[in-house]
Amino acid sequence: MAGRILIIDTVATNRIVLKVKLASAQYQVTPCANVAEAHEAIRDGGFDLCLIEMTQLPPALREFCQDLRDTADTSHMPIIATGYFDNPAQRLDALICGADDVLEKPMPDQMLLARIRSLLRASAADDELRLRDDTSRALGFAEATTTFVAAGAVTLISASISQSDTLCRDLGAALAASVEQKTPEDVLMAKGRVPDLFIIDARGFDPDTDDRQLFRLIADLRSRTDTRHAAQLLITPNTGTDLSPMALDIGANDVVLSHANAAEIGLRARKLIRRKQRMAQMRDTVQTGLKAAVTDPLTGLYNRRYAIPHLQAMAERSKTTGRIFAVMALDIDHFKLVNDSFGHGAGDRVIAGVADILRDNLRSVDLVARIGGEEFLIALPDTTVDQARKMAERIRYIVQNTPLSI
């Protein structure tokens, strides 16, 4: 997916260099020299991410950032602050101003692109959940009740518990919450309640032997069913090698430099906790509020009543944002022969089995619905015709070669 990026920087050379770097990575870039140009660009079309030079934060730029956060169409757009920050207070000020991340100049290309990919992935997942939430309201279901936002449960992971005692106390004070300490081994073996946020303090890791362990820890937490929705914040190790790009690409939500103070880590942590809780609430709304009315009882897939408004919402979003999507229609060949030969109970088992195959072989953001007796519909966000055709052929092959027990 080619994201659309807005750049705001008063220095023409900086704008040109950034545009060339991002355009070579297949992003669509609009450079602006000031806030007035940025406002005009946003009015002409939406953007997926904003890259702002924030070494200085004049009132006009602060007001611009606040407008982005207060406007419905841009409130969830990721913002990356760039600049020459002399002290932690400047970095913290940029985050308070509304930035999702702060990158110090000179920025390594690998880190910049990894951070953009990470933020765009998170934003796309959020957009899909919001879209499904909008579909729920379009069907007449009440919006989720706003509940009290708790401080959040936090686990601090460190190779040495004793070395992270001070950080644990400082974070507890910054977050107004208790912070549990665990080693990587204890976390992976733990059962029971999962925290909202894992803070991985890699400063105590041995750089000669523990890089692989660190990446495995991040990937394991992201891939496990019970911990995959928990946020992850990595504090980078005190080494010359920057592990941030790899950490972001394999599952970390945010990365903070080793010299960051507890105030900055706490602010980033609060943002991650709020986002995690908000996403959990939207998932609960979709899973519980709609289940009885918009899911097919035989297969557990969405039904036609849900699929049609959702497709309409995807089409409208495509018109306004330019994002492509693909739609796939499927039916089961010779299905009447199954019912006539083995009975309708066997036919139901075949339909349910095919539904399981579809569910297991598609992405979580894809919409899968049963829209008729043996007919299914799949909507694939950010998917080209060629990608959809290959996916369809792969699904057809799996169905053809998977025996179904009746």
Protein backbone atom coordinates (compact mmCIF):
# COMPACT_ATOMS: atom_id res chain seq x y z
CA MET A 1 0.00 0.00 0.00
CA ALA A 2 1.44 3.35 -1.07
CA GLY A 3 0.80 5.79 1.75
CA ARG A 4 0.29 9.51 1.23
CA ILE A 5 2.67 11.56 3.33
CA LEU A 6 2.56 15.28 4.09
CA ILE A 7 5.90 16.96 4.85
CA ILE A 8 6.14 20.30 6.65
CA ASP A 9 9.62 21.83 6.76
CA THR A 10 10.70 25.43 6.25
CA VAL A 11 14.02 24.39 4.68
CA ALA A 12 13.66 23.62 0.97
CA THR A 13 16.67 21.28 0.90
CA ASN A 14 15.19 19.15 3.69
CA ARG A 15 11.89 18.88 1.83
CA ILE A 16 13.59 17.83 -1.39
CA VAL A 17 15.79 15.21 0.27
CA LEU A 18 12.87 13.72 2.20
CA LYS A 19 10.64 13.65 -0.86
CA VAL A 20 13.28 11.78 -2.88
CA LYS A 21 13.84 9.22 -0.09
CA LEU A 22 10.14 8.57 0.47
CA ALA A 23 9.23 8.59 -3.22
CA SER A 24 11.88 5.93 -3.85
CA ALA A 25 10.07 3.81 -1.24
CA GLN A 26 6.86 4.24 -3.29
CA TYR A 27 5.16 6.77 -1.01
CA GLN A 28 3.17 9.67 -2.44
CA VAL A 29 4.70 12.82 -0.96
CA THR A 30 3.41 16.39 -0.71
CA PRO A 31 6.02 18.84 0.65
CA CYS A 32 4.91 22.08 2.32
CA ALA A 33 7.02 25.01 3.44
CA ASN A 34 4.63 26.28 6.12
CA VAL A 35 1.37 25.70 7.94
CA ALA A 36 -0.70 27.66 5.42
CA GLU A 37 0.44 25.40 2.56
CA ALA A 38 -0.24 22.34 4.73
CA HIS A 39 -3.82 23.46 5.47
CA GLU A 40 -4.44 23.91 1.75
CA ALA A 41 -2.96 20.50 0.93
CA ILE A 42 -5.15 18.80 3.54
CA ARG A 43 -8.25 20.49 2.14
CA ASP A 44 -7.43 19.14 -1.33
CA GLY A 45 -6.99 15.53 -0.19
CA GLY A 46 -6.45 13.27 2.78
CA PHE A 47 -3.09 12.01 3.99
CA ASP A 48 -2.06 8.85 5.81
CA LEU A 49 0.82 10.37 7.78
CA CYS A 50 2.35 13.76 8.55
CA LEU A 51 6.09 14.42 8.93
CA ILE A 52 6.75 17.76 10.68
CA GLU A 53 10.02 19.56 11.47
CA MET A 54 9.62 20.49 15.16
CA THR A 55 13.02 21.73 16.27
CA GLN A 56 11.19 24.97 16.93
CA LEU A 57 7.52 24.98 17.94
CA PRO A 58 6.05 28.40 17.16
CA PRO A 59 2.42 29.08 18.15
CA ALA A 60 1.20 28.58 14.56
CA LEU A 61 2.67 25.08 14.42
CA ARG A 62 1.27 24.17 17.83
CA GLU A 63 -2.17 25.36 16.71
CA PHE A 64 -1.84 23.35 13.49
CA CYS A 65 -1.05 20.15 15.41
CA GLN A 66 -3.97 20.77 17.76
CA ASP A 67 -6.28 21.30 14.77
CA LEU A 68 -5.18 17.96 13.34
CA ARG A 69 -6.05 16.22 16.60
CA ASP A 70 -9.39 18.06 17.01
CA THR A 71 -10.63 17.47 13.43
CA ALA A 72 -12.47 14.20 12.83
CA ASP A 73 -10.84 13.45 9.46
CA THR A 74 -7.29 13.90 10.79
CA SER A 75 -7.61 13.05 14.49
CA HIS A 76 -6.15 9.57 13.99
CA MET A 77 -3.49 10.50 11.41
CA PRO A 78 0.00 9.60 12.70
CA ILE A 79 2.42 12.49 13.19
CA ILE A 80 6.20 12.12 13.25
CA ALA A 81 8.21 15.02 14.67
CA THR A 82 11.72 15.50 13.32
CA GLY A 83 14.40 17.92 14.45
CA TYR A 84 17.60 18.65 16.32
CA PHE A 85 16.54 18.16 19.92
CA ASP A 86 19.12 19.36 22.43
CA ASN A 87 17.49 17.93 25.54
CA PRO A 88 14.75 15.49 26.66
CA ALA A 89 12.38 18.39 27.37
CA GLN A 90 12.24 19.27 23.65
CA ARG A 91 11.40 15.70 22.71
CA LEU A 92 8.73 15.60 25.39
CA ASP A 93 7.27 18.91 24.17
CA ALA A 94 6.87 17.52 20.65
CA LEU A 95 5.04 14.47 22.01
CA ILE A 96 2.77 16.66 24.14
CA CYS A 97 2.07 18.76 21.06
CA GLY A 98 0.55 15.70 19.38
CA ALA A 99 3.39 13.78 17.75
CA ASP A 100 3.24 9.98 17.81
CA ASP A 101 7.01 9.69 17.52
CA VAL A 102 10.10 11.90 17.63
CA LEU A 103 13.04 11.24 15.31
CA GLU A 104 16.26 13.11 15.89
CA LYS A 105 18.24 14.43 12.92
CA PRO A 106 20.22 13.15 11.17
CA MET A 107 17.70 10.35 10.67
CA PRO A 108 18.95 6.99 9.38
CA ASP A 109 16.88 6.07 6.32
CA GLN A 110 16.24 2.57 7.67
CA MET A 111 14.80 3.92 10.92
CA LEU A 112 12.64 6.54 9.19
CA LEU A 113 11.10 4.01 6.81
CA ALA A 114 10.58 1.41 9.55
CA ARG A 115 8.81 3.97 11.73
CA ILE A 116 6.57 5.03 8.85
CA ARG A 117 5.69 1.40 8.07
CA SER A 118 4.88 0.72 11.72
CA LEU A 119 2.63 3.76 12.11
CA LEU A 120 0.84 3.11 8.81
CA ARG A 121 0.17 -0.50 9.79
CA ALA A 122 -1.29 0.57 13.12
CA SER A 123 -3.34 3.30 11.44
CA ALA A 124 -4.72 0.90 8.82
CA ALA A 125 -5.78 -1.58 11.53
CA ASP A 126 -7.45 1.23 13.47
CA ASP A 127 -9.25 2.43 10.32
CA GLU A 128 -10.61 -1.05 9.68
CA LEU A 129 -11.96 -1.37 13.22
CA ARG A 130 -13.52 2.10 13.02
CA LEU A 131 -15.05 1.20 9.67
CA ARG A 132 -16.65 -1.90 11.18
CA ASP A 133 -17.85 0.20 14.12
CA ASP A 134 -19.42 2.66 11.65
CA THR A 135 -21.08 -0.24 9.84
CA SER A 136 -22.58 -1.38 13.15
CA ARG A 137 -24.14 2.03 13.76
CA ALA A 138 -25.42 2.15 10.16
CA LEU A 139 -27.30 -1.05 10.92
CA GLY A 140 -28.99 0.66 13.87
CA PHE A 141 -26.90 -0.66 16.75
CA ALA A 142 -26.02 1.65 19.59
CA GLU A 143 -22.53 3.06 19.88
CA ALA A 144 -20.39 1.54 22.59
CA THR A 145 -20.78 3.22 25.95
CA THR A 146 -17.76 5.25 26.96
CA THR A 147 -16.33 3.65 30.04
CA PHE A 148 -13.82 4.80 32.61
CA VAL A 149 -10.31 4.44 31.23
CA ALA A 150 -8.17 2.69 33.80
CA ALA A 151 -4.50 3.45 34.27
CA GLY A 152 -3.68 0.16 32.59
CA ALA A 153 -1.64 -2.86 33.60
CA VAL A 154 2.06 -2.63 32.71
CA THR A 155 4.80 -5.25 32.77
CA LEU A 156 8.42 -4.12 32.63
CA ILE A 157 10.63 -6.79 31.07
CA SER A 158 14.32 -6.65 31.87
CA ALA A 159 17.21 -9.08 31.74
CA SER A 160 18.11 -7.95 35.26
CA ILE A 161 15.34 -7.09 37.70
CA SER A 162 17.73 -5.28 40.05
CA GLN A 163 18.98 -2.98 37.28
CA SER A 164 15.45 -1.88 36.39
CA ASP A 165 14.23 -1.12 39.94
CA THR A 166 14.70 2.63 39.57
CA LEU A 167 12.96 2.73 36.19
CA CYS A 168 10.11 0.65 37.60
CA ARG A 169 9.53 3.12 40.43
CA ASP A 170 9.78 6.13 38.10
CA LEU A 171 7.33 4.62 35.64
CA GLY A 172 4.92 3.75 38.42
CA ALA A 173 4.94 7.41 39.48
CA ALA A 174 4.63 8.70 35.89
CA LEU A 175 1.75 6.34 35.06
CA ALA A 176 0.06 6.48 38.47
CA ALA A 177 -0.09 2.69 38.34
CA SER A 178 1.79 -0.31 39.65
CA VAL A 179 4.37 -1.73 37.24
CA GLU A 180 5.18 -5.43 37.45
CA GLN A 181 8.74 -6.58 36.73
CA LYS A 182 9.58 -9.82 34.93
CA THR A 183 12.46 -11.42 33.07
CA PRO A 184 11.93 -12.51 29.44
CA GLU A 185 11.76 -16.15 30.54
CA ASP A 186 9.09 -15.40 33.18
CA VAL A 187 6.95 -13.46 30.69
CA LEU A 188 6.90 -16.24 28.12
CA MET A 189 6.01 -18.81 30.78
CA ALA A 190 3.38 -16.67 32.53
CA LYS A 191 -0.30 -17.60 32.56
CA GLY A 192 -3.31 -15.56 33.54
CA ARG A 193 -4.02 -11.87 33.06
CA VAL A 194 -2.16 -10.16 30.22
CA PRO A 195 -1.09 -6.51 30.72
CA ASP A 196 -2.15 -3.68 28.43
CA LEU A 197 1.50 -2.83 27.80
CA PHE A 198 4.84 -4.60 27.80
CA ILE A 199 7.80 -2.26 28.28
CA ILE A 200 10.94 -4.08 27.16
CA ASP A 201 14.05 -2.53 28.69
CA ALA A 202 16.85 -3.82 26.45
CA ARG A 203 19.57 -1.77 28.13
CA GLY A 204 20.50 -4.72 30.32
CA PHE A 205 20.73 -7.18 27.42
CA ASP A 206 24.15 -8.46 26.35
CA PRO A 207 24.64 -7.00 22.83
CA ASP A 208 26.90 -9.89 21.82
CA THR A 209 24.38 -12.63 22.56
CA ASP A 210 20.96 -11.19 23.28
CA ASP A 211 19.88 -9.45 20.03
CA ARG A 212 18.31 -12.65 18.79
CA GLN A 213 16.63 -13.23 22.15
CA LEU A 214 15.22 -9.69 22.06
CA PHE A 215 13.74 -10.10 18.59
CA ARG A 216 12.35 -13.52 19.48
CA LEU A 217 10.69 -12.04 22.57
CA ILE A 218 9.00 -9.28 20.54
CA ALA A 219 7.84 -11.72 17.86
CA ASP A 220 6.60 -14.30 20.39
CA LEU A 221 4.54 -11.75 22.30
CA ARG A 222 3.03 -10.47 19.04
CA SER A 223 2.20 -13.91 17.65
CA ARG A 224 0.70 -15.57 20.74
CA THR A 225 -3.08 -15.57 20.98
CA ASP A 226 -3.19 -14.26 24.55
CA THR A 227 -0.62 -11.46 24.16
CA ARG A 228 -0.95 -10.38 20.51
CA HIS A 229 -3.17 -7.38 21.27
CA ALA A 230 -0.98 -6.07 24.11
CA ALA A 231 1.09 -2.99 23.21
CA GLN A 232 4.88 -3.19 23.18
CA LEU A 233 7.30 -0.36 23.94
CA LEU A 234 11.01 -1.04 23.46
CA ILE A 235 13.75 0.91 25.23
CA THR A 236 16.76 0.47 22.96
CA PRO A 237 20.00 -1.02 24.30
CA ASN A 238 23.16 0.98 24.96
CA THR A 239 24.98 -0.21 21.85
CA GLY A 240 26.17 1.33 18.62
CA THR A 241 23.83 -0.88 16.61
CA ASP A 242 20.34 0.50 16.14
CA LEU A 243 17.88 -2.35 16.60
CA SER A 244 14.84 -0.09 16.26
CA PRO A 245 13.96 -0.75 12.57
CA MET A 246 13.94 -4.53 13.03
CA ALA A 247 12.02 -4.25 16.31
CA LEU A 248 9.31 -2.13 14.69
CA ASP A 249 9.01 -4.41 11.69
CA ILE A 250 8.54 -7.57 13.77
CA GLY A 251 5.93 -6.21 16.14
CA ALA A 252 6.99 -3.46 18.57
CA ASN A 253 4.47 -0.59 18.65
CA ASP A 254 6.93 2.06 19.74
CA VAL A 255 10.65 2.48 20.32
CA VAL A 256 12.34 4.98 22.63
CA LEU A 257 16.03 5.78 22.82
CA SER A 258 18.09 4.50 25.73
CA HIS A 259 18.71 8.03 27.06
CA ALA A 260 15.01 8.94 27.24
CA ASN A 261 13.78 9.97 30.69
CA ALA A 262 10.89 8.44 32.62
CA ALA A 263 8.57 11.33 31.70
CA GLU A 264 8.93 10.63 27.96
CA ILE A 265 8.62 6.88 28.42
CA GLY A 266 5.55 7.42 30.59
CA LEU A 267 3.89 9.71 28.02
CA ARG A 268 4.50 7.21 25.23
CA ALA A 269 3.23 4.42 27.48
CA ARG A 270 0.00 6.26 28.27
CA LYS A 271 -0.68 6.80 24.56
CA LEU A 272 -0.12 3.11 23.82
CA ILE A 273 -2.36 2.04 26.72
CA ARG A 274 -5.18 4.37 25.62
CA ARG A 275 -4.96 3.09 22.06
CA LYS A 276 -4.89 -0.55 23.18
CA GLN A 277 -7.94 -0.07 25.41
CA ARG A 278 -9.79 1.84 22.70
CA MET A 279 -9.13 -0.88 20.14
CA ALA A 280 -10.19 -3.57 22.63
CA GLN A 281 -13.45 -1.73 23.24
CA MET A 282 -14.17 -1.51 19.51
CA ARG A 283 -13.36 -5.19 19.05
CA ASP A 284 -15.74 -6.05 21.88
CA THR A 285 -18.45 -3.92 20.29
CA VAL A 286 -18.10 -5.71 16.99
CA GLN A 287 -17.87 -9.14 18.55
CA THR A 288 -20.76 -8.86 21.02
CA GLY A 289 -23.08 -6.10 19.83
CA LEU A 290 -23.49 -7.46 16.32
CA LYS A 291 -23.07 -11.19 16.70
CA ALA A 292 -26.70 -12.26 16.96
CA ALA A 293 -28.01 -10.06 14.16
CA VAL A 294 -25.23 -9.94 11.60
CA THR A 295 -23.56 -13.35 11.73
CA ASP A 296 -24.61 -16.55 10.05
CA PRO A 297 -25.41 -19.14 12.75
CA LEU A 298 -24.17 -22.08 10.67
CA THR A 299 -20.71 -20.76 9.80
CA GLY A 300 -20.11 -17.92 12.24
CA LEU A 301 -19.29 -15.62 9.28
CA TYR A 302 -20.91 -12.26 8.69
CA ASN A 303 -24.19 -12.42 6.79
CA ARG A 304 -25.60 -10.36 3.89
CA ARG A 305 -27.13 -7.83 6.26
CA TYR A 306 -23.67 -6.86 7.47
CA ALA A 307 -21.72 -7.38 4.23
CA ILE A 308 -23.67 -4.99 1.98
CA PRO A 309 -23.39 -1.86 4.21
CA HIS A 310 -19.76 -2.71 4.87
CA LEU A 311 -19.04 -2.88 1.14
CA GLN A 312 -20.81 0.46 0.65
CA ALA A 313 -18.64 2.00 3.38
CA MET A 314 -15.50 0.59 1.76
CA ALA A 315 -16.53 2.04 -1.59
CA GLU A 316 -17.16 5.48 -0.09
CA ARG A 317 -13.81 5.39 1.69
CA SER A 318 -12.14 4.41 -1.58
CA LYS A 319 -13.65 7.45 -3.32
CA THR A 320 -12.37 9.86 -0.70
CA THR A 321 -8.95 8.31 0.02
CA GLY A 322 -8.03 6.58 -3.23
CA ARG A 323 -7.41 3.28 -1.45
CA ILE A 324 -8.12 0.28 -3.63
CA PHE A 325 -10.01 -2.82 -2.58
CA ALA A 326 -11.02 -6.09 -4.19
CA VAL A 327 -14.24 -8.08 -3.95
CA MET A 328 -14.40 -11.83 -4.44
CA ALA A 329 -17.57 -13.90 -4.90
CA LEU A 330 -17.48 -17.68 -4.35
CA ASP A 331 -19.91 -20.56 -4.55
CA ILE A 332 -19.57 -24.32 -4.05
CA ASP A 333 -19.81 -26.28 -7.31
CA HIS A 334 -22.33 -29.14 -7.51
CA PHE A 335 -23.59 -28.38 -4.01
CA LYS A 336 -27.13 -29.61 -4.81
CA LEU A 337 -25.62 -33.01 -5.52
CA VAL A 338 -24.24 -33.13 -1.96
CA ASN A 339 -27.66 -32.43 -0.45
CA ASP A 340 -29.44 -34.89 -2.76
CA SER A 341 -26.90 -37.68 -2.16
CA PHE A 342 -26.10 -37.32 1.54
CA GLY A 343 -28.83 -35.13 3.03
CA HIS A 344 -29.03 -31.53 4.18
CA GLY A 345 -27.09 -32.26 7.36
CA ALA A 346 -24.10 -33.24 5.23
CA GLY A 347 -24.62 -30.12 3.11
CA ASP A 348 -24.50 -27.95 6.22
CA ARG A 349 -21.25 -29.62 7.27
CA VAL A 350 -19.72 -28.89 3.85
CA ILE A 351 -20.74 -25.22 4.04
CA ALA A 352 -19.28 -24.92 7.55
CA GLY A 353 -16.07 -26.67 6.46
CA VAL A 354 -15.57 -24.34 3.51
CA ALA A 355 -16.22 -21.35 5.80
CA ASP A 356 -13.49 -22.60 8.14
CA ILE A 357 -11.06 -22.82 5.22
CA LEU A 358 -11.86 -19.26 4.14
CA ARG A 359 -11.47 -17.93 7.68
CA ASP A 360 -8.15 -19.71 8.20
CA ASN A 361 -6.59 -18.55 4.92
CA LEU A 362 -7.44 -14.84 4.88
CA ARG A 363 -6.15 -11.82 6.77
CA SER A 364 -7.85 -10.46 9.88
CA VAL A 365 -8.73 -7.23 8.02
CA ASP A 366 -10.52 -9.09 5.20
CA LEU A 367 -14.30 -9.31 5.35
CA VAL A 368 -15.68 -12.84 4.87
CA ALA A 369 -19.46 -13.28 4.64
CA ARG A 370 -21.99 -15.95 3.70
CA ILE A 371 -24.52 -14.22 1.44
CA GLY A 372 -26.57 -17.19 0.22
CA GLY A 373 -27.04 -20.93 0.58
CA GLU A 374 -23.60 -21.95 -0.69
CA GLU A 375 -22.44 -18.48 -1.72
CA PHE A 376 -19.72 -16.46 -0.02
CA LEU A 377 -18.35 -12.93 -0.41
CA ILE A 378 -14.87 -11.66 0.50
CA ALA A 379 -13.78 -8.00 0.59
CA LEU A 380 -10.03 -7.39 0.58
CA PRO A 381 -8.77 -3.90 1.55
CA ASP A 382 -5.64 -2.58 -0.21
CA THR A 383 -5.59 -5.49 -2.67
CA THR A 384 -4.97 -5.37 -6.43
CA VAL A 385 -6.75 -7.45 -9.04
CA ASP A 386 -3.69 -9.66 -9.54
CA GLN A 387 -3.29 -10.21 -5.79
CA ALA A 388 -6.98 -11.09 -5.47
CA ARG A 389 -6.81 -13.49 -8.41
CA LYS A 390 -3.84 -15.32 -6.90
CA MET A 391 -5.58 -15.49 -3.54
CA ALA A 392 -8.75 -16.85 -5.17
CA GLU A 393 -6.80 -19.57 -6.94
CA ARG A 394 -5.01 -20.50 -3.73
CA ILE A 395 -8.33 -20.80 -1.87
CA ARG A 396 -9.86 -22.85 -4.68
CA TYR A 397 -6.90 -25.23 -4.58
CA ILE A 398 -7.12 -25.64 -0.79
CA VAL A 399 -10.88 -26.31 -0.90
CA GLN A 400 -10.45 -28.82 -3.71
CA ASN A 401 -7.75 -30.71 -1.82
CA THR A 402 -9.20 -30.64 1.71
CA PRO A 403 -11.39 -33.62 2.68
CA LEU A 404 -14.48 -32.66 4.73
CA SER A 405 -15.74 -35.12 7.32
CA ILE A 406 -19.55 -35.47 7.37
